[in-house]
């Protein structure tokens, strides 16, 4: 697959699946942060909140990558000629 090019549709699907997984993880982190807020350990609560923020940043990067893949899905500067 990589010798002759990359299947951008497949790459887009795989990237979207990773982003979906991170979305679920971020939702779980929000729940864990809520529970941690009921403990006396504010450091743990703050660390969990920061982890959720970082996951959100990663999701934003993946969304931008997906947008780029969608935008240039058919325009890679490659031409195929029948010989």
Protein backbone atom coordinates (compact mmCIF):
# COMPACT_ATOMS: atom_id res chain seq x y z
CA UNK A 1 0.00 0.00 0.00
CA UNK A 2 2.72 2.51 0.88
CA UNK A 3 4.89 1.73 -2.14
CA UNK A 4 2.29 2.98 -4.56
CA UNK A 5 0.63 5.57 -2.36
CA UNK A 6 -1.60 5.92 0.65
CA UNK A 7 -5.31 5.20 0.61
CA UNK A 8 -6.45 8.54 2.00
CA UNK A 9 -10.02 7.32 2.53
CA UNK A 10 -8.71 4.54 4.76
CA UNK A 11 -6.38 6.95 6.57
CA UNK A 12 -9.30 9.33 7.13
CA UNK A 13 -11.42 6.47 8.51
CA UNK A 14 -8.65 5.34 10.86
CA UNK A 15 -8.02 8.90 12.08
CA UNK A 16 -11.73 9.41 12.66
CA UNK A 17 -11.87 6.18 14.68
CA UNK A 18 -9.01 7.41 16.90
CA UNK A 19 -10.77 10.75 17.37
CA UNK A 20 -14.00 8.95 18.31
CA UNK A 21 -12.11 6.89 20.88
CA UNK A 22 -10.58 10.04 22.35
CA UNK A 23 -14.02 11.64 22.51
CA UNK A 24 -15.22 8.76 24.64
CA UNK A 25 -12.08 8.94 26.79
CA UNK A 26 -12.62 12.64 27.35
CA UNK A 27 -16.20 12.00 28.47
CA UNK A 28 -14.94 9.39 30.94
CA UNK A 29 -12.32 11.84 32.23
CA UNK A 30 -15.05 14.41 32.85
CA UNK A 31 -16.94 11.85 34.95
CA UNK A 32 -13.78 10.88 36.84
CA UNK A 33 -12.97 14.55 37.42
CA UNK A 34 -16.46 15.07 38.82
CA UNK A 35 -15.96 12.15 41.21
CA UNK A 36 -12.48 13.30 42.16
CA UNK A 37 -13.95 16.68 43.05
CA UNK A 38 -15.80 14.98 45.90
CA UNK A 39 -12.55 13.80 47.49
CA UNK A 40 -10.15 15.77 49.62
CA UNK A 41 -7.42 15.38 47.02
CA UNK A 42 -7.53 18.57 44.98
CA UNK A 43 -4.20 17.77 43.28
CA UNK A 44 -5.65 14.58 41.80
CA UNK A 45 -8.76 16.44 40.70
CA UNK A 46 -6.65 19.15 39.03
CA UNK A 47 -4.46 16.55 37.30
CA UNK A 48 -7.52 14.75 35.92
CA UNK A 49 -8.95 18.05 34.68
CA UNK A 50 -5.64 18.84 32.97
CA UNK A 51 -5.63 15.40 31.33
CA UNK A 52 -9.09 16.10 29.94
CA UNK A 53 -7.89 19.41 28.53
CA UNK A 54 -4.90 17.72 26.86
CA UNK A 55 -7.13 15.06 25.32
CA UNK A 56 -9.28 17.89 23.96
CA UNK A 57 -6.19 19.47 22.40
CA UNK A 58 -5.27 16.17 20.75
CA UNK A 59 -8.83 15.83 19.44
CA UNK A 60 -8.58 19.31 17.90
CA UNK A 61 -5.36 18.34 16.13
CA UNK A 62 -6.94 15.16 14.78
CA UNK A 63 -10.02 17.08 13.61
CA UNK A 64 -7.72 19.49 11.75
CA UNK A 65 -5.88 16.57 10.19
CA UNK A 66 -9.18 15.02 9.09
CA UNK A 67 -10.25 18.32 7.54
CA UNK A 68 -6.98 18.46 5.59
CA UNK A 69 -7.40 14.88 4.43
CA UNK A 70 -10.97 15.56 3.32
CA UNK A 71 -9.96 18.76 1.56
CA UNK A 72 -7.13 17.21 -0.41
CA UNK A 73 -8.46 13.70 -0.78
CA UNK A 74 -8.36 13.82 -4.58
CA UNK A 75 -5.59 16.35 -5.14
CA UNK A 76 -2.14 15.03 -4.33
CA UNK A 77 -0.30 16.20 -7.38
CA UNK A 78 -0.15 12.63 -8.63
CA UNK A 79 -1.22 11.72 -12.10
CA UNK A 80 -1.82 8.21 -13.36
CA UNK A 81 -1.36 7.44 -17.00
CA UNK A 82 -2.36 4.33 -18.88
CA UNK A 83 0.67 3.00 -20.75
